[in-house]
């Protein structure tokens, strides 16, 4: 439920992160089997060794306390979406309101640093599609999610939205591993260097975003 990065298409895993994973594993001569689950369950699967790594995790200081990361292969910009007809114009308009979003996103961490996070109630739905639906139904007033995800879902669901707040200069996206996997990390970093140098990474970004990976790193 995280298009165009990770989602199900015709019953199969699809998206930018899925294709990058396949490209890296192909360079390493490894077969790959994807496991898709709710986000909190995925994190626990990695912690307890039920999966080898997680694709497409945004790197931040909180997560780095628990996981190790490869070199980044992309950037995401977490933004706050509101309905296009919303009268909200500033973050203060969200105080005391319910919004949807992942825990420990860049936006929430930024609000924590500003000391205003306790003034905003964040509800975590199971999927980004559910977050967008709740906002469209008026059960929440805003939704935190990556820019490309929100644009993709809004277009697909026929919901008119606009970006209220865009504080994120761009969060690095990488593969997350357990801290005791240094050799796998080394091999994956080498494979990432190769697909970047060959132009394969840019080609995948063009396929899914309509722009190169380098262009995707600019602040939208």
N, C-alpha and C. Protein backbone atom coordinates (compact mmCIF):
# COMPACT_ATOMS: atom_id res chain seq x y z
N UNK A 1 0.80 -1.22 0.00
CA UNK A 1 0.00 0.00 0.00
C UNK A 1 0.83 1.26 0.00
N UNK A 2 1.95 1.27 -0.72
CA UNK A 2 2.86 2.42 -0.70
C UNK A 2 3.31 2.76 -2.12
N UNK A 3 2.34 2.91 -3.05
CA UNK A 3 2.71 3.21 -4.43
C UNK A 3 3.24 4.63 -4.56
N UNK A 4 4.16 4.91 -5.49
CA UNK A 4 4.71 3.99 -6.49
C UNK A 4 6.01 3.29 -6.03
N UNK A 5 6.24 3.26 -4.72
CA UNK A 5 7.46 2.65 -4.19
C UNK A 5 7.31 1.14 -3.96
N UNK A 6 6.28 0.76 -3.20
CA UNK A 6 6.04 -0.64 -2.90
C UNK A 6 4.53 -0.87 -2.84
N UNK A 7 4.03 -1.77 -3.69
CA UNK A 7 2.60 -2.07 -3.68
C UNK A 7 2.38 -3.38 -4.43
N UNK A 8 1.14 -3.78 -4.58
CA UNK A 8 0.82 -5.01 -5.29
C UNK A 8 0.16 -4.66 -6.61
N UNK A 9 0.65 -5.23 -7.69
CA UNK A 9 0.11 -4.99 -9.03
C UNK A 9 -0.14 -6.35 -9.67
N UNK A 10 -1.40 -6.62 -10.01
CA UNK A 10 -1.78 -7.90 -10.60
C UNK A 10 -1.32 -9.06 -9.71
N UNK A 11 -1.41 -8.86 -8.40
CA UNK A 11 -1.08 -9.92 -7.46
C UNK A 11 0.39 -10.10 -7.16
N UNK A 12 1.23 -9.24 -7.72
CA UNK A 12 2.68 -9.36 -7.53
C UNK A 12 3.26 -8.08 -6.95
N UNK A 13 4.34 -8.19 -6.15
CA UNK A 13 5.01 -6.99 -5.64
C UNK A 13 5.52 -6.12 -6.80
N UNK A 14 5.34 -4.82 -6.67
CA UNK A 14 5.75 -3.90 -7.74
C UNK A 14 6.17 -2.58 -7.12
N UNK A 15 6.85 -1.75 -7.93
CA UNK A 15 7.23 -0.43 -7.49
C UNK A 15 8.72 -0.17 -7.60
N UNK A 16 9.09 1.07 -7.36
CA UNK A 16 10.49 1.49 -7.47
C UNK A 16 11.40 0.70 -6.53
N UNK A 17 11.04 0.61 -5.25
CA UNK A 17 11.88 -0.10 -4.28
C UNK A 17 11.99 -1.58 -4.63
N UNK A 18 10.91 -2.15 -5.13
CA UNK A 18 10.92 -3.55 -5.52
C UNK A 18 11.89 -3.78 -6.67
N UNK A 19 11.86 -2.89 -7.66
CA UNK A 19 12.77 -3.03 -8.80
C UNK A 19 14.22 -2.81 -8.41
N UNK A 20 14.47 -1.85 -7.50
CA UNK A 20 15.84 -1.64 -7.03
C UNK A 20 16.33 -2.88 -6.28
N UNK A 21 15.46 -3.46 -5.47
CA UNK A 21 15.83 -4.68 -4.75
C UNK A 21 16.20 -5.80 -5.72
N UNK A 22 15.39 -5.98 -6.74
CA UNK A 22 15.67 -7.02 -7.74
C UNK A 22 17.00 -6.76 -8.44
N UNK A 23 17.27 -5.50 -8.75
CA UNK A 23 18.51 -5.16 -9.44
C UNK A 23 19.72 -5.45 -8.55
N UNK A 24 19.62 -5.11 -7.27
CA UNK A 24 20.73 -5.35 -6.33
C UNK A 24 20.95 -6.85 -6.16
N UNK A 25 19.89 -7.58 -5.95
CA UNK A 25 20.02 -9.02 -5.74
C UNK A 25 20.55 -9.72 -6.99
N UNK A 26 20.17 -9.23 -8.17
CA UNK A 26 20.70 -9.80 -9.41
C UNK A 26 22.21 -9.61 -9.48
N UNK A 27 22.70 -8.44 -9.06
CA UNK A 27 24.15 -8.18 -9.05
C UNK A 27 24.87 -9.11 -8.08
N UNK A 28 24.17 -9.50 -7.00
CA UNK A 28 24.78 -10.36 -5.99
C UNK A 28 24.57 -11.84 -6.29
N UNK A 29 23.83 -12.15 -7.36
CA UNK A 29 23.56 -13.54 -7.69
C UNK A 29 22.61 -14.21 -6.72
N UNK A 30 21.71 -13.43 -6.12
CA UNK A 30 20.77 -13.94 -5.12
C UNK A 30 19.35 -13.93 -5.66
N UNK A 31 18.60 -14.95 -5.32
CA UNK A 31 17.16 -14.91 -5.59
C UNK A 31 16.51 -14.09 -4.49
N UNK A 32 15.35 -13.54 -4.78
CA UNK A 32 14.70 -12.68 -3.79
C UNK A 32 13.23 -13.08 -3.65
N UNK A 33 12.78 -13.14 -2.41
CA UNK A 33 11.38 -13.42 -2.11
C UNK A 33 10.86 -12.27 -1.26
N UNK A 34 9.78 -11.62 -1.72
CA UNK A 34 9.25 -10.45 -1.02
C UNK A 34 8.19 -10.85 0.00
N UNK A 35 8.28 -10.24 1.16
CA UNK A 35 7.28 -10.41 2.21
C UNK A 35 6.65 -9.04 2.46
N UNK A 36 5.34 -8.94 2.30
CA UNK A 36 4.65 -7.68 2.51
C UNK A 36 3.73 -7.80 3.72
N UNK A 37 3.81 -6.82 4.60
CA UNK A 37 3.01 -6.86 5.83
C UNK A 37 2.84 -5.44 6.35
N UNK A 38 2.07 -5.29 7.43
CA UNK A 38 1.94 -3.98 8.06
C UNK A 38 3.30 -3.53 8.56
N UNK A 39 3.51 -2.22 8.57
CA UNK A 39 4.84 -1.65 8.80
C UNK A 39 5.46 -2.11 10.12
N UNK A 40 4.70 -2.06 11.21
CA UNK A 40 5.24 -2.46 12.50
C UNK A 40 5.66 -3.93 12.49
N UNK A 41 4.89 -4.77 11.80
CA UNK A 41 5.24 -6.18 11.70
C UNK A 41 6.52 -6.38 10.90
N UNK A 42 6.69 -5.58 9.84
CA UNK A 42 7.89 -5.67 9.02
C UNK A 42 9.13 -5.33 9.85
N UNK A 43 9.04 -4.29 10.66
CA UNK A 43 10.17 -3.91 11.50
C UNK A 43 10.54 -5.04 12.46
N UNK A 44 9.55 -5.67 13.05
CA UNK A 44 9.83 -6.77 13.98
C UNK A 44 10.39 -7.99 13.26
N UNK A 45 9.96 -8.22 12.01
CA UNK A 45 10.50 -9.32 11.23
C UNK A 45 12.01 -9.16 11.04
N UNK A 46 12.45 -7.92 10.79
CA UNK A 46 13.89 -7.69 10.63
C UNK A 46 14.61 -7.84 11.97
N UNK A 47 14.06 -7.26 13.00
CA UNK A 47 14.69 -7.32 14.32
C UNK A 47 14.93 -8.75 14.77
N UNK A 48 13.97 -9.65 14.47
CA UNK A 48 14.06 -11.03 14.94
C UNK A 48 14.53 -12.00 13.87
N UNK A 49 15.08 -11.47 12.76
CA UNK A 49 15.72 -12.31 11.77
C UNK A 49 14.80 -13.10 10.86
N UNK A 50 13.55 -12.69 10.75
CA UNK A 50 12.61 -13.39 9.88
C UNK A 50 12.70 -12.92 8.43
N UNK A 51 13.30 -11.76 8.21
CA UNK A 51 13.65 -11.29 6.87
C UNK A 51 15.09 -10.81 6.91
N UNK A 52 15.74 -10.75 5.75
CA UNK A 52 17.15 -10.38 5.69
C UNK A 52 17.37 -8.87 5.67
N UNK A 53 16.45 -8.14 5.05
CA UNK A 53 16.56 -6.68 5.02
C UNK A 53 15.22 -6.09 4.64
N UNK A 54 15.09 -4.79 4.84
CA UNK A 54 13.88 -4.06 4.46
C UNK A 54 14.25 -3.08 3.35
N UNK A 55 13.49 -3.09 2.28
CA UNK A 55 13.74 -2.17 1.18
C UNK A 55 13.01 -0.86 1.41
N UNK A 56 13.65 0.24 1.01
CA UNK A 56 12.96 1.52 0.96
C UNK A 56 12.65 2.16 2.29
N UNK A 57 13.53 2.03 3.28
CA UNK A 57 13.27 2.68 4.56
C UNK A 57 13.94 4.05 4.60
N UNK A 58 13.20 5.04 5.07
CA UNK A 58 13.78 6.37 5.24
C UNK A 58 14.71 6.35 6.46
N UNK A 59 15.89 6.92 6.28
CA UNK A 59 16.91 6.90 7.32
C UNK A 59 16.71 8.10 8.24
N UNK A 60 16.65 7.85 9.53
CA UNK A 60 16.66 8.95 10.50
C UNK A 60 17.34 8.49 11.78
N UNK A 61 17.61 9.42 12.68
CA UNK A 61 18.38 9.11 13.88
C UNK A 61 17.66 8.10 14.77
N UNK A 62 16.35 8.17 14.83
CA UNK A 62 15.59 7.23 15.66
C UNK A 62 15.77 5.80 15.16
N UNK A 63 15.61 5.60 13.86
CA UNK A 63 15.72 4.26 13.30
C UNK A 63 17.16 3.75 13.34
N UNK A 64 18.12 4.66 13.25
CA UNK A 64 19.53 4.26 13.26
C UNK A 64 19.95 3.69 14.61
N UNK A 65 19.18 3.96 15.65
CA UNK A 65 19.46 3.36 16.95
C UNK A 65 19.18 1.85 16.93
N UNK A 66 18.29 1.42 16.03
CA UNK A 66 17.87 0.03 16.01
C UNK A 66 18.40 -0.76 14.81
N UNK A 67 18.63 -0.07 13.68
CA UNK A 67 19.01 -0.75 12.46
C UNK A 67 20.28 -0.14 11.86
N UNK A 68 20.90 -0.91 10.98
CA UNK A 68 21.99 -0.40 10.15
C UNK A 68 21.43 -0.14 8.76
N UNK A 69 22.10 0.71 7.99
CA UNK A 69 21.59 1.06 6.67
C UNK A 69 22.70 0.99 5.63
N UNK A 70 22.31 0.61 4.41
CA UNK A 70 23.22 0.71 3.28
C UNK A 70 23.37 2.19 2.89
N UNK A 71 24.19 2.42 1.89
CA UNK A 71 24.25 3.75 1.29
C UNK A 71 22.86 4.07 0.72
N UNK A 72 22.43 5.33 0.76
CA UNK A 72 21.12 5.67 0.21
C UNK A 72 21.08 5.51 -1.30
N UNK A 73 19.92 5.15 -1.82
CA UNK A 73 19.76 5.04 -3.27
C UNK A 73 18.71 6.00 -3.81
N UNK A 74 18.06 6.76 -2.92
CA UNK A 74 17.06 7.73 -3.36
C UNK A 74 16.78 8.68 -2.21
N UNK A 75 15.89 9.64 -2.45
CA UNK A 75 15.41 10.53 -1.40
C UNK A 75 13.89 10.62 -1.48
N UNK A 76 13.26 10.82 -0.32
CA UNK A 76 11.83 11.08 -0.28
C UNK A 76 11.59 12.36 0.49
N UNK A 77 10.51 13.02 0.12
CA UNK A 77 10.12 14.26 0.79
C UNK A 77 8.78 14.03 1.48
N UNK A 78 8.80 13.95 2.80
CA UNK A 78 7.55 13.83 3.55
C UNK A 78 6.87 15.20 3.61
N UNK A 79 5.59 15.22 3.25
CA UNK A 79 4.84 16.47 3.25
C UNK A 79 3.51 16.24 3.98
N UNK A 80 2.82 17.33 4.26
CA UNK A 80 1.49 17.26 4.85
C UNK A 80 0.48 17.65 3.79
N UNK A 81 -0.37 16.68 3.43
CA UNK A 81 -1.45 16.93 2.47
C UNK A 81 -2.72 17.33 3.20
N UNK A 82 -3.49 18.21 2.59
CA UNK A 82 -4.84 18.54 3.05
C UNK A 82 -5.76 18.52 1.82
N UNK A 83 -7.07 18.39 2.02
CA UNK A 83 -7.98 18.49 0.88
C UNK A 83 -7.79 19.82 0.16
N UNK A 84 -7.98 19.83 -1.13
CA UNK A 84 -7.75 21.04 -1.93
C UNK A 84 -8.62 22.20 -1.46
N UNK A 85 -9.81 21.90 -0.91
CA UNK A 85 -10.71 22.97 -0.48
C UNK A 85 -10.54 23.32 1.00
N UNK A 86 -9.52 22.79 1.65
CA UNK A 86 -9.27 23.10 3.06
C UNK A 86 -8.89 24.57 3.22
N UNK A 87 -9.31 25.15 4.32
CA UNK A 87 -8.96 26.55 4.60
C UNK A 87 -7.68 26.66 5.41
N UNK A 88 -7.07 25.54 5.77
CA UNK A 88 -5.84 25.56 6.56
C UNK A 88 -4.69 26.16 5.74
N UNK A 89 -3.83 26.91 6.42
CA UNK A 89 -2.70 27.51 5.72
C UNK A 89 -1.38 27.36 6.48
N UNK A 90 -1.42 27.04 7.78
CA UNK A 90 -0.20 26.92 8.57
C UNK A 90 -0.28 25.68 9.46
N UNK A 91 0.85 25.30 10.04
CA UNK A 91 0.88 24.16 10.94
C UNK A 91 0.04 24.42 12.18
N UNK A 92 -0.08 25.68 12.58
CA UNK A 92 -0.89 26.01 13.76
C UNK A 92 -2.36 25.63 13.56
N UNK A 93 -2.82 25.59 12.29
CA UNK A 93 -4.19 25.20 12.02
C UNK A 93 -4.45 23.74 12.35
N UNK A 94 -3.37 22.95 12.51
CA UNK A 94 -3.51 21.53 12.82
C UNK A 94 -3.58 21.26 14.32
N UNK A 95 -3.30 22.25 15.14
CA UNK A 95 -3.28 22.05 16.59
C UNK A 95 -4.65 21.57 17.08
N UNK A 96 -4.63 20.49 17.87
CA UNK A 96 -5.85 19.94 18.42
C UNK A 96 -6.65 19.10 17.45
N UNK A 97 -6.13 18.90 16.26
CA UNK A 97 -6.83 18.15 15.22
C UNK A 97 -6.22 16.76 15.05
N UNK A 98 -6.97 15.86 14.43
CA UNK A 98 -6.47 14.52 14.11
C UNK A 98 -5.93 14.52 12.69
N UNK A 99 -4.70 14.04 12.55
CA UNK A 99 -4.12 13.85 11.22
C UNK A 99 -3.62 12.41 11.14
N UNK A 100 -3.41 11.92 9.94
CA UNK A 100 -2.92 10.55 9.76
C UNK A 100 -1.47 10.58 9.30
N UNK A 101 -0.72 9.54 9.66
CA UNK A 101 0.67 9.48 9.23
C UNK A 101 1.44 8.41 9.98
N UNK A 102 2.56 7.99 9.40
CA UNK A 102 3.43 7.02 10.06
C UNK A 102 4.07 7.62 11.30
N UNK A 103 4.33 6.77 12.28
CA UNK A 103 5.09 7.21 13.43
C UNK A 103 6.54 7.47 13.02
N UNK A 104 7.15 8.48 13.63
CA UNK A 104 8.56 8.81 13.47
C UNK A 104 8.91 9.23 12.04
N UNK A 105 7.95 9.79 11.32
CA UNK A 105 8.25 10.38 10.01
C UNK A 105 9.12 11.62 10.20
N UNK A 106 9.67 12.14 9.12
CA UNK A 106 10.47 13.36 9.22
C UNK A 106 9.63 14.49 9.80
N UNK A 107 8.38 14.58 9.36
CA UNK A 107 7.51 15.68 9.81
C UNK A 107 7.29 15.60 11.31
N UNK A 108 6.97 14.40 11.82
CA UNK A 108 6.73 14.27 13.26
C UNK A 108 8.00 14.58 14.05
N UNK A 109 9.15 14.09 13.59
CA UNK A 109 10.40 14.38 14.28
C UNK A 109 10.71 15.88 14.26
N UNK A 110 10.37 16.54 13.18
CA UNK A 110 10.56 17.98 13.08
C UNK A 110 9.66 18.69 14.09
N UNK A 111 8.42 18.23 14.21
CA UNK A 111 7.51 18.83 15.20
C UNK A 111 7.99 18.57 16.62
N UNK A 112 8.59 17.40 16.85
CA UNK A 112 9.13 17.11 18.17
C UNK A 112 10.27 18.08 18.50
N UNK A 113 11.13 18.32 17.50
CA UNK A 113 12.25 19.25 17.70
C UNK A 113 11.74 20.66 17.98
N UNK A 114 10.60 21.02 17.39
CA UNK A 114 10.01 22.35 17.61
C UNK A 114 9.17 22.41 18.88
N UNK A 115 8.94 21.24 19.50
CA UNK A 115 8.16 21.20 20.74
C UNK A 115 6.67 21.36 20.54
N UNK A 116 6.17 21.06 19.34
CA UNK A 116 4.73 21.25 19.08
C UNK A 116 4.01 19.93 18.82
N UNK A 117 4.72 18.80 18.86
CA UNK A 117 4.12 17.53 18.47
C UNK A 117 2.95 17.12 19.37
N UNK A 118 2.99 17.52 20.64
CA UNK A 118 1.91 17.14 21.56
C UNK A 118 0.62 17.91 21.29
N UNK A 119 0.70 18.92 20.46
CA UNK A 119 -0.49 19.69 20.12
C UNK A 119 -1.25 19.10 18.93
N UNK A 120 -0.65 18.07 18.32
CA UNK A 120 -1.24 17.48 17.11
C UNK A 120 -1.44 15.98 17.34
N UNK A 121 -2.62 15.48 17.06
CA UNK A 121 -2.92 14.07 17.28
C UNK A 121 -2.70 13.29 16.00
N UNK A 122 -1.71 12.39 16.02
CA UNK A 122 -1.38 11.61 14.83
C UNK A 122 -1.97 10.20 14.97
N UNK A 123 -2.81 9.83 14.02
CA UNK A 123 -3.41 8.50 13.96
C UNK A 123 -2.72 7.71 12.86
N UNK A 124 -2.31 6.48 13.18
CA UNK A 124 -1.57 5.67 12.21
C UNK A 124 -2.46 4.60 11.60
N UNK A 125 -2.95 4.80 10.38
CA UNK A 125 -3.75 3.77 9.71
C UNK A 125 -2.85 2.66 9.16
N UNK A 126 -3.47 1.59 8.68
CA UNK A 126 -2.69 0.46 8.19
C UNK A 126 -2.01 0.75 6.86
N UNK A 127 -2.63 1.58 6.03
CA UNK A 127 -2.07 1.86 4.70
C UNK A 127 -2.19 3.34 4.38
N UNK A 128 -1.40 3.77 3.41
CA UNK A 128 -1.49 5.16 2.95
C UNK A 128 -2.83 5.41 2.26
N UNK A 129 -3.37 4.39 1.59
CA UNK A 129 -4.67 4.54 0.95
C UNK A 129 -5.75 4.82 2.00
N UNK A 130 -5.67 4.11 3.13
CA UNK A 130 -6.62 4.36 4.21
C UNK A 130 -6.45 5.77 4.77
N UNK A 131 -5.19 6.22 4.88
CA UNK A 131 -4.93 7.58 5.38
C UNK A 131 -5.58 8.61 4.46
N UNK A 132 -5.45 8.41 3.15
CA UNK A 132 -6.03 9.33 2.18
C UNK A 132 -7.56 9.28 2.25
N UNK A 133 -8.11 8.08 2.42
CA UNK A 133 -9.56 7.92 2.51
C UNK A 133 -10.12 8.62 3.74
N UNK A 134 -9.47 8.45 4.88
CA UNK A 134 -9.92 9.08 6.12
C UNK A 134 -9.93 10.60 5.98
N UNK A 135 -8.91 11.13 5.30
CA UNK A 135 -8.86 12.58 5.09
C UNK A 135 -9.99 13.02 4.16
N UNK A 136 -10.22 12.26 3.10
CA UNK A 136 -11.28 12.62 2.15
C UNK A 136 -12.65 12.56 2.81
N UNK A 137 -12.83 11.66 3.77
CA UNK A 137 -14.11 11.52 4.46
C UNK A 137 -14.28 12.51 5.61
N UNK A 138 -13.25 13.28 5.90
CA UNK A 138 -13.32 14.25 6.97
C UNK A 138 -13.05 13.69 8.36
N UNK A 139 -12.60 12.43 8.43
CA UNK A 139 -12.28 11.84 9.73
C UNK A 139 -10.91 12.28 10.23
N UNK A 140 -10.11 12.82 9.34
CA UNK A 140 -8.87 13.50 9.71
C UNK A 140 -8.78 14.74 8.83
N UNK A 141 -7.99 15.71 9.27
CA UNK A 141 -7.93 16.96 8.52
C UNK A 141 -6.73 17.04 7.60
N UNK A 142 -5.77 16.11 7.79
CA UNK A 142 -4.54 16.15 6.99
C UNK A 142 -3.90 14.77 7.02
N UNK A 143 -2.94 14.56 6.13
CA UNK A 143 -2.23 13.28 6.07
C UNK A 143 -0.76 13.53 5.76
N UNK A 144 0.09 12.90 6.57
CA UNK A 144 1.53 12.95 6.32
C UNK A 144 1.91 11.75 5.47
N UNK A 145 2.57 11.99 4.35
CA UNK A 145 3.08 10.89 3.54
C UNK A 145 4.06 11.45 2.51
N UNK A 146 4.89 10.58 1.93
CA UNK A 146 5.80 11.06 0.90
C UNK A 146 5.07 11.71 -0.26
N UNK A 147 5.68 12.73 -0.83
CA UNK A 147 5.07 13.51 -1.89
C UNK A 147 4.58 12.65 -3.04
N UNK A 148 5.44 11.75 -3.54
CA UNK A 148 5.07 10.94 -4.70
C UNK A 148 3.96 9.96 -4.37
N UNK A 149 3.93 9.46 -3.13
CA UNK A 149 2.87 8.54 -2.73
C UNK A 149 1.53 9.27 -2.71
N UNK A 150 1.50 10.45 -2.10
CA UNK A 150 0.27 11.22 -2.04
C UNK A 150 -0.25 11.60 -3.41
N UNK A 151 0.65 12.02 -4.28
CA UNK A 151 0.23 12.39 -5.64
C UNK A 151 -0.35 11.20 -6.37
N UNK A 152 0.33 10.05 -6.23
CA UNK A 152 -0.12 8.83 -6.92
C UNK A 152 -1.50 8.42 -6.43
N UNK A 153 -1.68 8.36 -5.10
CA UNK A 153 -2.95 7.92 -4.54
C UNK A 153 -4.08 8.90 -4.84
N UNK A 154 -3.81 10.18 -4.71
CA UNK A 154 -4.85 11.18 -4.97
C UNK A 154 -5.36 11.08 -6.40
N UNK A 155 -4.45 10.91 -7.35
CA UNK A 155 -4.85 10.77 -8.75
C UNK A 155 -5.64 9.49 -8.96
N UNK A 156 -5.15 8.39 -8.36
CA UNK A 156 -5.79 7.09 -8.53
C UNK A 156 -7.18 7.07 -7.90
N UNK A 157 -7.34 7.76 -6.76
CA UNK A 157 -8.60 7.73 -6.01
C UNK A 157 -9.54 8.88 -6.38
N UNK A 158 -9.07 9.79 -7.23
CA UNK A 158 -9.90 10.90 -7.65
C UNK A 158 -10.15 11.92 -6.55
N UNK A 159 -9.14 12.12 -5.70
CA UNK A 159 -9.24 13.06 -4.58
C UNK A 159 -8.37 14.28 -4.87
N UNK A 160 -8.92 15.46 -4.73
CA UNK A 160 -8.16 16.67 -4.97
C UNK A 160 -7.48 17.11 -3.66
N UNK A 161 -6.16 17.22 -3.72
CA UNK A 161 -5.39 17.58 -2.53
C UNK A 161 -4.40 18.68 -2.87
N UNK A 162 -3.84 19.27 -1.83
CA UNK A 162 -2.73 20.21 -1.99
C UNK A 162 -1.76 20.00 -0.83
N UNK A 163 -0.54 20.45 -1.01
CA UNK A 163 0.48 20.34 0.03
C UNK A 163 0.35 21.54 0.96
N UNK A 164 0.12 21.25 2.23
CA UNK A 164 0.03 22.33 3.22
C UNK A 164 1.40 22.72 3.72
N UNK A 165 2.20 21.72 4.07
CA UNK A 165 3.52 21.96 4.67
C UNK A 165 4.53 21.03 4.01
N UNK A 166 5.68 21.58 3.65
CA UNK A 166 6.75 20.78 3.05
C UNK A 166 8.07 21.15 3.73
N UNK A 167 8.28 20.66 4.97
CA UNK A 167 9.50 21.04 5.69
C UNK A 167 10.69 20.16 5.39
N UNK A 168 10.48 19.09 4.62
CA UNK A 168 11.50 18.05 4.47
C UNK A 168 12.44 18.36 3.32
N UNK A 169 13.73 18.58 3.59
CA UNK A 169 14.69 18.81 2.51
C UNK A 169 14.98 17.55 1.72
N UNK A 170 14.47 16.44 2.20
CA UNK A 170 14.69 15.16 1.53
C UNK A 170 15.33 14.17 2.48
N UNK A 171 14.64 13.07 2.74
CA UNK A 171 15.18 12.04 3.62
C UNK A 171 15.81 10.94 2.78
N UNK A 172 17.01 10.52 3.16
CA UNK A 172 17.67 9.42 2.46
C UNK A 172 16.85 8.15 2.58
N UNK A 173 16.80 7.40 1.50
CA UNK A 173 16.13 6.10 1.46
C UNK A 173 17.18 5.03 1.19
N UNK A 174 17.15 3.97 2.00
CA UNK A 174 18.17 2.93 1.89
C UNK A 174 17.56 1.58 2.26
N UNK A 175 18.39 0.55 2.19
CA UNK A 175 18.01 -0.76 2.71
C UNK A 175 18.39 -0.81 4.18
N UNK A 176 17.47 -1.29 5.02
CA UNK A 176 17.73 -1.44 6.45
C UNK A 176 18.12 -2.88 6.75
N UNK A 177 19.15 -3.04 7.57
CA UNK A 177 19.62 -4.35 7.96
C UNK A 177 19.79 -4.40 9.48
N UNK A 178 19.93 -5.61 10.03
CA UNK A 178 20.32 -5.73 11.43
C UNK A 178 21.78 -5.30 11.56
N UNK A 179 22.14 -4.81 12.70
CA UNK A 179 23.48 -4.27 12.90
C UNK A 179 24.57 -5.34 12.79
N UNK A 180 24.20 -6.62 12.94
CA UNK A 180 25.20 -7.68 12.86
C UNK A 180 25.33 -8.25 11.44
N UNK A 181 25.04 -7.45 10.42
CA UNK A 181 25.13 -7.91 9.03
C UNK A 181 26.12 -7.06 8.21
N UNK A 182 27.34 -6.82 8.69
CA UNK A 182 28.26 -5.93 7.96
C UNK A 182 28.66 -6.46 6.59
N UNK A 183 28.77 -7.78 6.42
CA UNK A 183 29.21 -8.32 5.14
C UNK A 183 28.11 -8.16 4.08
N UNK A 184 26.86 -8.40 4.47
CA UNK A 184 25.76 -8.18 3.53
C UNK A 184 25.67 -6.70 3.16
N UNK A 185 25.86 -5.83 4.13
CA UNK A 185 25.84 -4.39 3.86
C UNK A 185 26.93 -4.03 2.85
N UNK A 186 28.12 -4.56 3.03
CA UNK A 186 29.23 -4.25 2.11
C UNK A 186 28.88 -4.68 0.69
N UNK A 187 28.34 -5.89 0.53
CA UNK A 187 28.00 -6.40 -0.79
C UNK A 187 26.87 -5.58 -1.43
N UNK A 188 25.90 -5.22 -0.64
CA UNK A 188 24.78 -4.44 -1.18
C UNK A 188 25.22 -3.05 -1.59
N UNK A 189 26.13 -2.45 -0.82
CA UNK A 189 26.65 -1.13 -1.20
C UNK A 189 27.40 -1.20 -2.53
N UNK A 190 28.16 -2.26 -2.73
CA UNK A 190 28.89 -2.43 -3.99
C UNK A 190 27.90 -2.56 -5.14
N UNK A 191 26.84 -3.35 -4.95
CA UNK A 191 25.84 -3.52 -6.00
C UNK A 191 25.12 -2.21 -6.29
N UNK A 192 24.83 -1.43 -5.25
CA UNK A 192 24.19 -0.12 -5.45
C UNK A 192 25.10 0.81 -6.25
N UNK A 193 26.39 0.80 -5.97
CA UNK A 193 27.33 1.61 -6.75
C UNK A 193 27.29 1.22 -8.22
N UNK A 194 27.20 -0.07 -8.47
CA UNK A 194 27.22 -0.56 -9.85
C UNK A 194 25.95 -0.17 -10.61
N UNK A 195 24.78 -0.30 -9.97
CA UNK A 195 23.55 0.04 -10.71
C UNK A 195 23.42 1.55 -10.88
N UNK A 196 24.02 2.32 -9.97
CA UNK A 196 24.03 3.77 -10.15
C UNK A 196 24.94 4.16 -11.31
N UNK A 197 26.15 3.59 -11.32
CA UNK A 197 27.13 3.92 -12.36
C UNK A 197 26.66 3.49 -13.75
N UNK A 198 25.91 2.39 -13.82
CA UNK A 198 25.46 1.87 -15.11
C UNK A 198 24.27 2.64 -15.68
N UNK A 199 23.64 3.48 -14.85
CA UNK A 199 22.45 4.20 -15.29
C UNK A 199 21.16 3.45 -15.02
N UNK A 200 21.25 2.24 -14.48
CA UNK A 200 20.06 1.44 -14.22
C UNK A 200 19.17 2.10 -13.16
N UNK A 201 19.78 2.71 -12.15
CA UNK A 201 19.00 3.35 -11.09
C UNK A 201 18.19 4.52 -11.64
N UNK A 202 18.81 5.33 -12.50
CA UNK A 202 18.09 6.44 -13.12
C UNK A 202 16.96 5.94 -14.01
N UNK A 203 17.20 4.84 -14.70
CA UNK A 203 16.17 4.28 -15.57
C UNK A 203 14.95 3.83 -14.76
N UNK A 204 15.19 3.26 -13.60
CA UNK A 204 14.07 2.82 -12.75
C UNK A 204 13.30 4.02 -12.21
N UNK A 205 14.02 5.08 -11.85
CA UNK A 205 13.34 6.28 -11.37
C UNK A 205 12.49 6.90 -12.47
N UNK A 206 13.00 6.92 -13.69
CA UNK A 206 12.23 7.43 -14.82
C UNK A 206 10.97 6.60 -15.04
N UNK A 207 11.11 5.29 -14.88
CA UNK A 207 9.98 4.38 -15.06
C UNK A 207 8.86 4.68 -14.08
N UNK A 208 9.20 4.93 -12.80
CA UNK A 208 8.19 5.05 -11.77
C UNK A 208 7.80 6.48 -11.44
N UNK A 209 8.70 7.44 -11.65
CA UNK A 209 8.42 8.83 -11.25
C UNK A 209 8.39 9.80 -12.43
N UNK A 210 8.83 9.34 -13.58
CA UNK A 210 8.90 10.24 -14.72
C UNK A 210 10.05 11.21 -14.66
N UNK A 211 11.02 10.93 -13.76
CA UNK A 211 12.21 11.77 -13.63
C UNK A 211 13.34 10.91 -13.09
N UNK A 212 14.57 11.36 -13.32
CA UNK A 212 15.72 10.57 -12.89
C UNK A 212 15.87 10.60 -11.38
N UNK A 213 16.62 9.65 -10.85
CA UNK A 213 16.86 9.60 -9.41
C UNK A 213 17.53 10.86 -8.93
N UNK A 214 18.44 11.41 -9.73
CA UNK A 214 19.10 12.65 -9.35
C UNK A 214 18.13 13.79 -9.27
N UNK A 215 17.21 13.89 -10.25
CA UNK A 215 16.20 14.94 -10.22
C UNK A 215 15.28 14.78 -9.03
N UNK A 216 15.05 13.52 -8.63
CA UNK A 216 14.18 13.24 -7.52
C UNK A 216 14.73 13.71 -6.19
N UNK A 217 16.02 14.07 -6.14
CA UNK A 217 16.62 14.50 -4.89
C UNK A 217 16.42 15.98 -4.65
N UNK A 218 15.89 16.68 -5.61
CA UNK A 218 15.66 18.11 -5.41
C UNK A 218 14.43 18.32 -4.54
N UNK A 219 14.43 19.42 -3.82
CA UNK A 219 13.29 19.75 -2.96
C UNK A 219 12.10 20.13 -3.84
N UNK A 220 10.95 19.42 -3.71
CA UNK A 220 9.82 19.67 -4.63
C UNK A 220 9.15 21.00 -4.34
